[in-house]
Amino acid sequence: MKSIILSEKFDYDGSQISSLWAYNSFGVQEDSIVVFRGSCDVKIEHMIDLEDRRANESIWSEDMVSFIIEHFDSTDLKLIYARQRLFTAIVREYLAERGIATTREGDDLFLEGKKLTVSIASTSPVSQKIHFGINVTHDVYGNLEEAGIKKAEDIARLMREIGEYYFREFEDIEKDLRKSRPLGVV
C-alpha cells in the first residue's frame, strides 16, 4: 500500500472517488491512501450516495481533510463498507488518544452531537474506493477547530498520522495472512 500526503491545497469535488484516480494523478498502481486538505463541494454528477442525490443534498465544506483510499484486491461492496467502518474506527481512536471524544453512527463521527465527518464507499470493475472527509472548519457541522485542532502543523500531523495508521493496519493484516494456516490443514 502506498501513502501520499499532499502538502499543497487540493479541493475535493467528488471526481477523486473514481477508480484509478491515484494512478491518473500520481502514477500509483497499487493500493493507496491519498490525503489532502482543501474545500469540498461535491457536484451532483459525482454524488454516489443515492439518498443524498435523490434529496438533492449538498456536500460541502470550506475546509476539509480528505482521505481517498483505493484497494485492488476485490470489488466486493460489503468488504469496502467494512473497510470504511474500520477507517472510521481508526479516526475515532486517533481523536480519542488526543482527548477528543466523538460518537460513531455507522461511518459517521459526531462531535458534541454535530456531524464531524462525511464518507462514502463504492466499487468499480477494478477496485474499491473510499472517501472520508473531516471538517477542519464549518459553520453548521462539527469541525476540528472546535475540537482544539487549529494550527496548520497540527492538521498536517493529523493527516500524516491517520494515513500512516491505516497503512500500518494493512501491513499488519498482510503479515497475519502469511502466518495463519487454513482450517483443516495440519
N, C-alpha and C. Protein backbone atom coordinates (compact mmCIF):
# COMPACT_ATOMS: atom_id res chain seq x y z
N MET A 1 0.85 -1.18 0.00
CA MET A 1 0.00 0.00 0.00
C MET A 1 0.89 1.24 0.00
N LYS A 2 0.50 2.22 -0.78
CA LYS A 2 1.25 3.47 -0.89
C LYS A 2 0.45 4.58 -0.21
N SER A 3 1.15 5.40 0.57
CA SER A 3 0.54 6.53 1.25
C SER A 3 1.11 7.82 0.68
N ILE A 4 0.22 8.73 0.26
CA ILE A 4 0.63 10.01 -0.31
C ILE A 4 -0.07 11.12 0.47
N ILE A 5 0.72 12.05 1.00
CA ILE A 5 0.18 13.20 1.70
C ILE A 5 0.49 14.43 0.85
N LEU A 6 -0.54 15.09 0.35
CA LEU A 6 -0.33 16.29 -0.46
C LEU A 6 -0.13 17.49 0.45
N SER A 7 0.93 18.23 0.25
CA SER A 7 1.20 19.40 1.08
C SER A 7 0.50 20.64 0.55
N GLU A 8 0.22 20.67 -0.75
CA GLU A 8 -0.45 21.83 -1.32
C GLU A 8 -1.97 21.66 -1.20
N LYS A 9 -2.69 22.78 -1.20
CA LYS A 9 -4.15 22.77 -1.12
C LYS A 9 -4.71 22.02 -2.33
N PHE A 10 -5.69 21.16 -2.06
CA PHE A 10 -6.32 20.39 -3.12
C PHE A 10 -7.79 20.25 -2.75
N ASP A 11 -8.69 20.67 -3.63
CA ASP A 11 -10.12 20.64 -3.34
C ASP A 11 -10.74 19.32 -3.77
N TYR A 12 -11.72 18.87 -2.99
CA TYR A 12 -12.45 17.63 -3.29
C TYR A 12 -13.78 17.98 -3.94
N ASP A 13 -14.02 17.44 -5.14
CA ASP A 13 -15.28 17.70 -5.83
C ASP A 13 -16.06 16.42 -6.12
N GLY A 14 -15.57 15.29 -5.64
CA GLY A 14 -16.24 14.01 -5.87
C GLY A 14 -15.63 13.22 -7.00
N SER A 15 -14.92 13.86 -7.91
CA SER A 15 -14.32 13.12 -9.03
C SER A 15 -13.18 12.23 -8.56
N GLN A 16 -12.60 12.54 -7.42
CA GLN A 16 -11.47 11.78 -6.90
C GLN A 16 -11.88 10.38 -6.43
N ILE A 17 -13.16 10.12 -6.30
CA ILE A 17 -13.64 8.80 -5.89
C ILE A 17 -13.65 7.82 -7.09
N SER A 18 -13.38 8.33 -8.28
CA SER A 18 -13.36 7.45 -9.45
C SER A 18 -12.18 6.48 -9.37
N SER A 19 -12.38 5.31 -9.95
CA SER A 19 -11.31 4.30 -9.92
C SER A 19 -10.09 4.81 -10.68
N LEU A 20 -8.94 4.38 -10.22
CA LEU A 20 -7.64 4.71 -10.82
C LEU A 20 -7.27 6.19 -10.73
N TRP A 21 -7.93 6.94 -9.86
CA TRP A 21 -7.61 8.35 -9.69
C TRP A 21 -6.17 8.54 -9.24
N ALA A 22 -5.71 7.74 -8.28
CA ALA A 22 -4.33 7.87 -7.79
C ALA A 22 -3.33 7.53 -8.92
N TYR A 23 -3.68 6.58 -9.76
CA TYR A 23 -2.81 6.25 -10.89
C TYR A 23 -2.79 7.40 -11.90
N ASN A 24 -3.98 7.89 -12.27
CA ASN A 24 -4.06 9.00 -13.23
C ASN A 24 -3.38 10.26 -12.72
N SER A 25 -3.47 10.50 -11.42
CA SER A 25 -2.94 11.74 -10.85
C SER A 25 -1.49 11.64 -10.40
N PHE A 26 -1.09 10.46 -9.87
CA PHE A 26 0.22 10.35 -9.24
C PHE A 26 1.03 9.14 -9.69
N GLY A 27 0.50 8.35 -10.64
CA GLY A 27 1.21 7.19 -11.13
C GLY A 27 1.22 6.01 -10.17
N VAL A 28 0.32 5.98 -9.19
CA VAL A 28 0.27 4.92 -8.19
C VAL A 28 -0.60 3.78 -8.70
N GLN A 29 0.01 2.59 -8.89
CA GLN A 29 -0.71 1.43 -9.42
C GLN A 29 -0.88 0.35 -8.36
N GLU A 30 -1.01 0.74 -7.11
CA GLU A 30 -1.19 -0.23 -6.03
C GLU A 30 -2.22 0.33 -5.06
N ASP A 31 -2.60 -0.47 -4.08
CA ASP A 31 -3.48 0.03 -3.03
C ASP A 31 -2.89 1.33 -2.50
N SER A 32 -3.76 2.30 -2.22
CA SER A 32 -3.23 3.60 -1.81
C SER A 32 -4.19 4.34 -0.89
N ILE A 33 -3.59 5.27 -0.15
CA ILE A 33 -4.34 6.26 0.59
C ILE A 33 -3.71 7.60 0.26
N VAL A 34 -4.52 8.51 -0.28
CA VAL A 34 -4.06 9.85 -0.65
C VAL A 34 -4.78 10.82 0.28
N VAL A 35 -4.01 11.69 0.93
CA VAL A 35 -4.57 12.60 1.93
C VAL A 35 -4.28 14.04 1.49
N PHE A 36 -5.30 14.88 1.58
CA PHE A 36 -5.12 16.29 1.21
C PHE A 36 -6.10 17.17 1.97
N ARG A 37 -5.83 18.46 1.92
CA ARG A 37 -6.69 19.44 2.60
C ARG A 37 -7.12 20.50 1.60
N GLY A 38 -8.41 20.84 1.66
CA GLY A 38 -8.96 21.87 0.79
C GLY A 38 -10.45 21.97 1.01
N SER A 39 -11.11 22.67 0.14
CA SER A 39 -12.57 22.77 0.27
C SER A 39 -13.20 21.49 -0.27
N CYS A 40 -14.49 21.34 -0.01
CA CYS A 40 -15.25 20.21 -0.51
C CYS A 40 -16.55 20.75 -1.08
N ASP A 41 -16.83 20.38 -2.32
CA ASP A 41 -18.09 20.75 -2.97
C ASP A 41 -18.39 19.66 -3.99
N VAL A 42 -19.18 18.68 -3.56
CA VAL A 42 -19.48 17.53 -4.42
C VAL A 42 -20.62 17.89 -5.36
N LYS A 43 -20.33 17.84 -6.62
CA LYS A 43 -21.34 18.11 -7.65
C LYS A 43 -22.26 16.90 -7.78
N ILE A 44 -23.48 17.14 -8.18
CA ILE A 44 -24.49 16.09 -8.27
C ILE A 44 -24.05 14.94 -9.17
N GLU A 45 -23.31 15.23 -10.24
CA GLU A 45 -22.87 14.17 -11.16
C GLU A 45 -21.83 13.25 -10.52
N HIS A 46 -21.19 13.69 -9.44
CA HIS A 46 -20.20 12.87 -8.74
C HIS A 46 -20.75 12.27 -7.45
N MET A 47 -22.03 12.54 -7.15
CA MET A 47 -22.61 12.06 -5.91
C MET A 47 -22.95 10.58 -6.03
N ILE A 48 -22.39 9.78 -5.12
CA ILE A 48 -22.57 8.33 -5.14
C ILE A 48 -23.73 7.90 -4.26
N ASP A 49 -23.92 8.59 -3.14
CA ASP A 49 -25.00 8.24 -2.21
C ASP A 49 -26.33 8.61 -2.85
N LEU A 50 -27.11 7.59 -3.19
CA LEU A 50 -28.37 7.83 -3.91
C LEU A 50 -29.40 8.54 -3.05
N GLU A 51 -29.38 8.33 -1.72
CA GLU A 51 -30.30 9.07 -0.86
C GLU A 51 -30.00 10.56 -0.92
N ASP A 52 -28.72 10.92 -0.84
CA ASP A 52 -28.33 12.33 -0.94
C ASP A 52 -28.68 12.88 -2.32
N ARG A 53 -28.45 12.09 -3.33
CA ARG A 53 -28.72 12.54 -4.71
C ARG A 53 -30.21 12.77 -4.92
N ARG A 54 -31.03 11.81 -4.47
CA ARG A 54 -32.49 11.94 -4.63
C ARG A 54 -33.03 13.13 -3.85
N ALA A 55 -32.44 13.41 -2.69
CA ALA A 55 -32.89 14.53 -1.86
C ALA A 55 -32.24 15.84 -2.30
N ASN A 56 -31.41 15.78 -3.34
CA ASN A 56 -30.69 16.95 -3.84
C ASN A 56 -29.90 17.64 -2.73
N GLU A 57 -29.29 16.80 -1.87
CA GLU A 57 -28.47 17.29 -0.77
C GLU A 57 -27.17 17.86 -1.31
N SER A 58 -26.59 18.75 -0.55
CA SER A 58 -25.28 19.25 -0.91
C SER A 58 -24.26 18.70 0.08
N ILE A 59 -23.08 18.43 -0.42
CA ILE A 59 -21.96 18.00 0.42
C ILE A 59 -20.87 19.03 0.19
N TRP A 60 -20.62 19.84 1.23
CA TRP A 60 -19.66 20.92 1.07
C TRP A 60 -19.00 21.23 2.41
N SER A 61 -17.86 21.82 2.31
CA SER A 61 -17.15 22.35 3.47
C SER A 61 -16.12 23.33 2.94
N GLU A 62 -15.96 24.43 3.65
CA GLU A 62 -14.96 25.41 3.21
C GLU A 62 -13.54 24.92 3.45
N ASP A 63 -13.38 23.97 4.40
CA ASP A 63 -12.04 23.46 4.71
C ASP A 63 -12.19 22.05 5.26
N MET A 64 -11.65 21.08 4.56
CA MET A 64 -11.81 19.67 4.92
C MET A 64 -10.51 18.92 4.66
N VAL A 65 -10.22 17.96 5.53
CA VAL A 65 -9.16 16.99 5.26
C VAL A 65 -9.83 15.80 4.60
N SER A 66 -9.33 15.40 3.43
CA SER A 66 -9.91 14.28 2.69
C SER A 66 -8.92 13.14 2.59
N PHE A 67 -9.44 11.93 2.76
CA PHE A 67 -8.68 10.69 2.59
C PHE A 67 -9.33 9.93 1.45
N ILE A 68 -8.55 9.62 0.42
CA ILE A 68 -9.04 8.82 -0.70
C ILE A 68 -8.30 7.49 -0.65
N ILE A 69 -9.05 6.42 -0.45
CA ILE A 69 -8.47 5.09 -0.29
C ILE A 69 -8.92 4.23 -1.47
N GLU A 70 -7.97 3.47 -2.03
CA GLU A 70 -8.31 2.54 -3.12
C GLU A 70 -7.63 1.20 -2.86
N HIS A 71 -8.41 0.14 -3.00
CA HIS A 71 -7.92 -1.23 -2.88
C HIS A 71 -8.25 -1.99 -4.17
N PHE A 72 -7.28 -2.81 -4.60
CA PHE A 72 -7.44 -3.56 -5.86
C PHE A 72 -7.65 -5.06 -5.66
N ASP A 73 -7.73 -5.53 -4.43
CA ASP A 73 -7.81 -6.97 -4.20
C ASP A 73 -9.23 -7.53 -4.31
N SER A 74 -10.22 -6.66 -4.46
CA SER A 74 -11.60 -7.11 -4.51
C SER A 74 -12.47 -5.99 -5.07
N THR A 75 -13.63 -6.36 -5.56
CA THR A 75 -14.64 -5.36 -5.94
C THR A 75 -15.92 -5.61 -5.15
N ASP A 76 -15.78 -6.26 -4.01
CA ASP A 76 -16.91 -6.61 -3.14
C ASP A 76 -17.37 -5.36 -2.37
N LEU A 77 -18.62 -4.97 -2.56
CA LEU A 77 -19.17 -3.77 -1.92
C LEU A 77 -19.24 -3.93 -0.40
N LYS A 78 -19.59 -5.12 0.07
CA LYS A 78 -19.66 -5.34 1.52
C LYS A 78 -18.29 -5.21 2.16
N LEU A 79 -17.26 -5.70 1.50
CA LEU A 79 -15.90 -5.61 2.03
C LEU A 79 -15.45 -4.15 2.13
N ILE A 80 -15.73 -3.33 1.12
CA ILE A 80 -15.27 -1.94 1.19
C ILE A 80 -16.05 -1.17 2.24
N TYR A 81 -17.31 -1.53 2.47
CA TYR A 81 -18.04 -0.89 3.56
C TYR A 81 -17.46 -1.30 4.91
N ALA A 82 -16.99 -2.53 5.05
CA ALA A 82 -16.32 -2.96 6.28
C ALA A 82 -15.02 -2.19 6.45
N ARG A 83 -14.27 -2.01 5.37
CA ARG A 83 -13.03 -1.23 5.43
C ARG A 83 -13.31 0.23 5.76
N GLN A 84 -14.40 0.76 5.26
CA GLN A 84 -14.80 2.13 5.57
C GLN A 84 -15.09 2.26 7.07
N ARG A 85 -15.79 1.29 7.63
CA ARG A 85 -16.07 1.31 9.07
C ARG A 85 -14.78 1.18 9.87
N LEU A 86 -13.84 0.34 9.41
CA LEU A 86 -12.55 0.23 10.07
C LEU A 86 -11.83 1.57 10.06
N PHE A 87 -11.85 2.25 8.93
CA PHE A 87 -11.19 3.55 8.84
C PHE A 87 -11.85 4.55 9.79
N THR A 88 -13.18 4.54 9.85
CA THR A 88 -13.90 5.41 10.77
C THR A 88 -13.48 5.14 12.21
N ALA A 89 -13.36 3.86 12.57
CA ALA A 89 -12.93 3.49 13.92
C ALA A 89 -11.49 3.95 14.18
N ILE A 90 -10.63 3.87 13.18
CA ILE A 90 -9.25 4.34 13.31
C ILE A 90 -9.23 5.84 13.59
N VAL A 91 -10.02 6.60 12.86
CA VAL A 91 -10.07 8.05 13.06
C VAL A 91 -10.61 8.36 14.46
N ARG A 92 -11.64 7.65 14.86
CA ARG A 92 -12.21 7.87 16.20
C ARG A 92 -11.17 7.57 17.28
N GLU A 93 -10.45 6.46 17.13
CA GLU A 93 -9.41 6.11 18.09
C GLU A 93 -8.30 7.16 18.12
N TYR A 94 -7.89 7.62 16.96
CA TYR A 94 -6.85 8.64 16.87
C TYR A 94 -7.28 9.90 17.63
N LEU A 95 -8.51 10.35 17.39
CA LEU A 95 -9.00 11.55 18.07
C LEU A 95 -9.12 11.32 19.57
N ALA A 96 -9.59 10.14 19.98
CA ALA A 96 -9.72 9.83 21.41
C ALA A 96 -8.37 9.87 22.11
N GLU A 97 -7.32 9.39 21.43
CA GLU A 97 -5.97 9.43 22.00
C GLU A 97 -5.49 10.86 22.24
N ARG A 98 -6.14 11.82 21.59
CA ARG A 98 -5.80 13.23 21.76
C ARG A 98 -6.83 13.95 22.62
N GLY A 99 -7.66 13.19 23.31
CA GLY A 99 -8.65 13.76 24.22
C GLY A 99 -9.89 14.31 23.56
N ILE A 100 -10.13 13.95 22.32
CA ILE A 100 -11.31 14.44 21.60
C ILE A 100 -12.35 13.32 21.54
N ALA A 101 -13.43 13.49 22.30
CA ALA A 101 -14.48 12.48 22.37
C ALA A 101 -15.47 12.65 21.23
N THR A 102 -15.64 11.60 20.47
CA THR A 102 -16.64 11.59 19.39
C THR A 102 -17.56 10.41 19.60
N THR A 103 -18.69 10.46 18.95
CA THR A 103 -19.58 9.30 18.89
C THR A 103 -19.61 8.84 17.44
N ARG A 104 -19.89 7.56 17.26
CA ARG A 104 -19.91 7.00 15.91
C ARG A 104 -21.28 6.43 15.62
N GLU A 105 -21.81 6.77 14.47
CA GLU A 105 -23.02 6.16 13.93
C GLU A 105 -22.67 5.66 12.54
N GLY A 106 -22.47 4.35 12.42
CA GLY A 106 -22.07 3.78 11.14
C GLY A 106 -20.73 4.32 10.70
N ASP A 107 -20.71 5.01 9.56
CA ASP A 107 -19.45 5.54 9.03
C ASP A 107 -19.29 7.03 9.32
N ASP A 108 -20.12 7.56 10.23
CA ASP A 108 -20.05 8.98 10.58
C ASP A 108 -19.57 9.18 12.01
N LEU A 109 -18.77 10.22 12.22
CA LEU A 109 -18.36 10.63 13.55
C LEU A 109 -19.03 11.96 13.89
N PHE A 110 -19.41 12.08 15.16
CA PHE A 110 -20.07 13.29 15.64
C PHE A 110 -19.27 13.87 16.80
N LEU A 111 -19.18 15.18 16.82
CA LEU A 111 -18.50 15.92 17.88
C LEU A 111 -19.56 16.77 18.57
N GLU A 112 -19.83 16.46 19.84
CA GLU A 112 -20.86 17.16 20.61
C GLU A 112 -22.18 17.21 19.86
N GLY A 113 -22.55 16.08 19.26
CA GLY A 113 -23.82 15.96 18.55
C GLY A 113 -23.84 16.51 17.14
N LYS A 114 -22.76 17.14 16.70
CA LYS A 114 -22.71 17.70 15.35
C LYS A 114 -21.83 16.82 14.46
N LYS A 115 -22.31 16.55 13.25
CA LYS A 115 -21.59 15.68 12.32
C LYS A 115 -20.23 16.28 11.98
N LEU A 116 -19.18 15.49 12.24
CA LEU A 116 -17.80 15.92 12.02
C LEU A 116 -17.27 15.45 10.67
N THR A 117 -17.77 14.33 10.18
CA THR A 117 -17.18 13.69 9.00
C THR A 117 -18.23 13.40 7.94
N VAL A 118 -17.73 13.19 6.73
CA VAL A 118 -18.53 12.65 5.63
C VAL A 118 -17.76 11.46 5.07
N SER A 119 -18.48 10.50 4.54
CA SER A 119 -17.78 9.35 3.97
C SER A 119 -18.69 8.62 2.99
N ILE A 120 -18.05 8.03 2.00
CA ILE A 120 -18.75 7.19 1.03
C ILE A 120 -17.80 6.09 0.60
N ALA A 121 -18.36 4.95 0.29
CA ALA A 121 -17.58 3.83 -0.25
C ALA A 121 -18.30 3.30 -1.47
N SER A 122 -17.54 2.80 -2.42
CA SER A 122 -18.13 2.22 -3.62
C SER A 122 -17.11 1.32 -4.30
N THR A 123 -17.56 0.69 -5.37
CA THR A 123 -16.68 -0.18 -6.14
C THR A 123 -16.76 0.17 -7.62
N SER A 124 -15.75 -0.27 -8.32
CA SER A 124 -15.72 -0.17 -9.78
C SER A 124 -15.37 -1.56 -10.30
N PRO A 125 -15.31 -1.75 -11.60
CA PRO A 125 -14.91 -3.07 -12.10
C PRO A 125 -13.49 -3.49 -11.69
N VAL A 126 -12.64 -2.53 -11.27
CA VAL A 126 -11.26 -2.88 -10.95
C VAL A 126 -10.84 -2.63 -9.50
N SER A 127 -11.65 -1.89 -8.73
CA SER A 127 -11.20 -1.54 -7.38
C SER A 127 -12.35 -1.18 -6.45
N GLN A 128 -11.96 -0.96 -5.21
CA GLN A 128 -12.85 -0.44 -4.18
C GLN A 128 -12.34 0.94 -3.81
N LYS A 129 -13.26 1.87 -3.49
CA LYS A 129 -12.86 3.24 -3.17
C LYS A 129 -13.59 3.73 -1.92
N ILE A 130 -12.89 4.57 -1.16
CA ILE A 130 -13.47 5.26 0.00
C ILE A 130 -13.06 6.73 -0.08
N HIS A 131 -14.00 7.60 0.18
CA HIS A 131 -13.67 8.99 0.51
C HIS A 131 -14.12 9.20 1.95
N PHE A 132 -13.22 9.74 2.76
CA PHE A 132 -13.54 10.08 4.14
C PHE A 132 -13.05 11.49 4.36
N GLY A 133 -13.95 12.39 4.75
CA GLY A 133 -13.59 13.78 4.97
C GLY A 133 -13.87 14.21 6.40
N ILE A 134 -12.97 15.01 6.95
CA ILE A 134 -13.13 15.57 8.29
C ILE A 134 -13.16 17.09 8.15
N ASN A 135 -14.22 17.72 8.64
CA ASN A 135 -14.31 19.17 8.58
C ASN A 135 -13.23 19.79 9.46
N VAL A 136 -12.45 20.71 8.86
CA VAL A 136 -11.50 21.49 9.63
C VAL A 136 -12.23 22.70 10.20
N THR A 137 -12.98 23.38 9.35
CA THR A 137 -13.88 24.46 9.77
C THR A 137 -15.22 24.21 9.10
N HIS A 138 -16.28 24.65 9.74
CA HIS A 138 -17.62 24.54 9.15
C HIS A 138 -18.57 25.38 9.99
N ASP A 139 -19.45 26.10 9.32
CA ASP A 139 -20.40 26.95 10.03
C ASP A 139 -21.54 26.17 10.69
N VAL A 140 -21.85 24.99 10.17
CA VAL A 140 -23.01 24.23 10.64
C VAL A 140 -22.60 22.97 11.37
N TYR A 141 -21.66 22.23 10.83
CA TYR A 141 -21.30 20.92 11.36
C TYR A 141 -20.11 20.99 12.31
N GLY A 142 -19.85 19.86 12.98
CA GLY A 142 -18.68 19.76 13.85
C GLY A 142 -17.41 19.94 13.04
N ASN A 143 -16.35 20.39 13.71
CA ASN A 143 -15.11 20.61 12.99
C ASN A 143 -13.92 20.51 13.94
N LEU A 144 -12.76 20.31 13.36
CA LEU A 144 -11.54 20.13 14.13
C LEU A 144 -11.18 21.38 14.94
N GLU A 145 -11.48 22.55 14.42
CA GLU A 145 -11.17 23.77 15.17
C GLU A 145 -11.92 23.80 16.49
N GLU A 146 -13.20 23.40 16.47
CA GLU A 146 -13.98 23.32 17.72
C GLU A 146 -13.37 22.32 18.69
N ALA A 147 -12.69 21.30 18.15
CA ALA A 147 -12.06 20.27 18.97
C ALA A 147 -10.69 20.70 19.47
N GLY A 148 -10.25 21.89 19.05
CA GLY A 148 -8.96 22.39 19.51
C GLY A 148 -7.81 22.14 18.57
N ILE A 149 -8.07 21.56 17.41
CA ILE A 149 -7.01 21.34 16.41
C ILE A 149 -7.12 22.46 15.40
N LYS A 150 -6.30 23.49 15.58
CA LYS A 150 -6.43 24.72 14.79
C LYS A 150 -5.20 25.04 13.95
N LYS A 151 -4.03 24.73 14.49
CA LYS A 151 -2.80 25.11 13.81
C LYS A 151 -2.56 24.26 12.57
N ALA A 152 -2.01 24.87 11.54
CA ALA A 152 -1.73 24.17 10.29
C ALA A 152 -0.84 22.96 10.53
N GLU A 153 0.17 23.09 11.41
CA GLU A 153 1.06 21.96 11.66
C GLU A 153 0.33 20.81 12.39
N ASP A 154 -0.67 21.15 13.21
CA ASP A 154 -1.45 20.09 13.89
C ASP A 154 -2.34 19.36 12.89
N ILE A 155 -2.90 20.10 11.94
CA ILE A 155 -3.72 19.47 10.89
C ILE A 155 -2.83 18.58 10.02
N ALA A 156 -1.66 19.09 9.66
CA ALA A 156 -0.72 18.30 8.84
C ALA A 156 -0.30 17.02 9.58
N ARG A 157 -0.07 17.11 10.87
CA ARG A 157 0.28 15.92 11.65
C ARG A 157 -0.87 14.92 11.66
N LEU A 158 -2.10 15.40 11.86
CA LEU A 158 -3.28 14.54 11.82
C LEU A 158 -3.38 13.82 10.48
N MET A 159 -3.20 14.54 9.40
CA MET A 159 -3.27 13.96 8.06
C MET A 159 -2.24 12.84 7.91
N ARG A 160 -1.02 13.13 8.29
CA ARG A 160 0.07 12.16 8.15
C ARG A 160 -0.15 10.95 9.05
N GLU A 161 -0.48 11.20 10.31
CA GLU A 161 -0.57 10.11 11.28
C GLU A 161 -1.77 9.19 11.02
N ILE A 162 -2.91 9.74 10.64
CA ILE A 162 -4.06 8.87 10.33
C ILE A 162 -3.75 8.06 9.07
N GLY A 163 -3.15 8.70 8.05
CA GLY A 163 -2.76 7.96 6.85
C GLY A 163 -1.80 6.83 7.17
N GLU A 164 -0.81 7.11 8.02
CA GLU A 164 0.16 6.08 8.42
C GLU A 164 -0.50 4.98 9.25
N TYR A 165 -1.44 5.34 10.10
CA TYR A 165 -2.16 4.38 10.93
C TYR A 165 -2.87 3.35 10.04
N TYR A 166 -3.59 3.84 9.03
CA TYR A 166 -4.30 2.93 8.12
C TYR A 166 -3.31 2.07 7.34
N PHE A 167 -2.25 2.69 6.86
CA PHE A 167 -1.20 1.98 6.13
C PHE A 167 -0.64 0.84 6.97
N ARG A 168 -0.28 1.15 8.23
CA ARG A 168 0.28 0.13 9.13
C ARG A 168 -0.73 -0.97 9.43
N GLU A 169 -2.00 -0.61 9.57
CA GLU A 169 -3.04 -1.61 9.82
C GLU A 169 -3.07 -2.63 8.69
N PHE A 170 -2.96 -2.18 7.47
CA PHE A 170 -3.00 -3.12 6.34
C PHE A 170 -1.70 -3.88 6.19
N GLU A 171 -0.58 -3.30 6.52
CA GLU A 171 0.67 -4.05 6.55
C GLU A 171 0.56 -5.19 7.57
N ASP A 172 -0.01 -4.90 8.74
CA ASP A 172 -0.17 -5.89 9.78
C ASP A 172 -1.13 -7.00 9.35
N ILE A 173 -2.20 -6.65 8.67
CA ILE A 173 -3.14 -7.65 8.16
C ILE A 173 -2.43 -8.57 7.18
N GLU A 174 -1.62 -7.99 6.28
CA GLU A 174 -0.88 -8.80 5.30
C GLU A 174 0.07 -9.77 6.01
N LYS A 175 0.75 -9.32 7.06
CA LYS A 175 1.62 -10.21 7.82
C LYS A 175 0.83 -11.34 8.47
N ASP A 176 -0.32 -11.00 9.03
CA ASP A 176 -1.17 -12.02 9.67
C ASP A 176 -1.65 -13.06 8.65
N LEU A 177 -1.95 -12.62 7.44
CA LEU A 177 -2.38 -13.55 6.40
C LEU A 177 -1.30 -14.59 6.09
N ARG A 178 -0.06 -14.17 6.20
CA ARG A 178 1.05 -15.05 5.85
C ARG A 178 1.53 -15.93 7.00
N LYS A 179 0.91 -15.81 8.15
CA LYS A 179 1.29 -16.66 9.28
C LYS A 179 0.17 -17.59 9.73
N SER A 180 -1.00 -17.46 9.12
CA SER A 180 -2.14 -18.27 9.53
C SER A 180 -2.32 -19.44 8.58
N ARG A 181 -2.52 -20.62 9.15
CA ARG A 181 -2.78 -21.79 8.31
C ARG A 181 -4.29 -21.90 8.07
N PRO A 182 -4.68 -22.42 6.95
CA PRO A 182 -6.11 -22.61 6.67
C PRO A 182 -6.69 -23.66 7.62
N LEU A 183 -7.98 -23.55 7.92
CA LEU A 183 -8.67 -24.54 8.74
C LEU A 183 -8.59 -25.91 8.06
N GLY A 184 -8.40 -26.94 8.84
CA GLY A 184 -8.34 -28.31 8.31
C GLY A 184 -6.97 -28.72 7.81
N VAL A 185 -6.00 -27.81 7.81
CA VAL A 185 -4.66 -28.12 7.37
C VAL A 185 -3.78 -28.26 8.62
N VAL A 186 -3.08 -29.38 8.71
CA VAL A 186 -2.24 -29.63 9.88
C VAL A 186 -0.82 -29.17 9.62
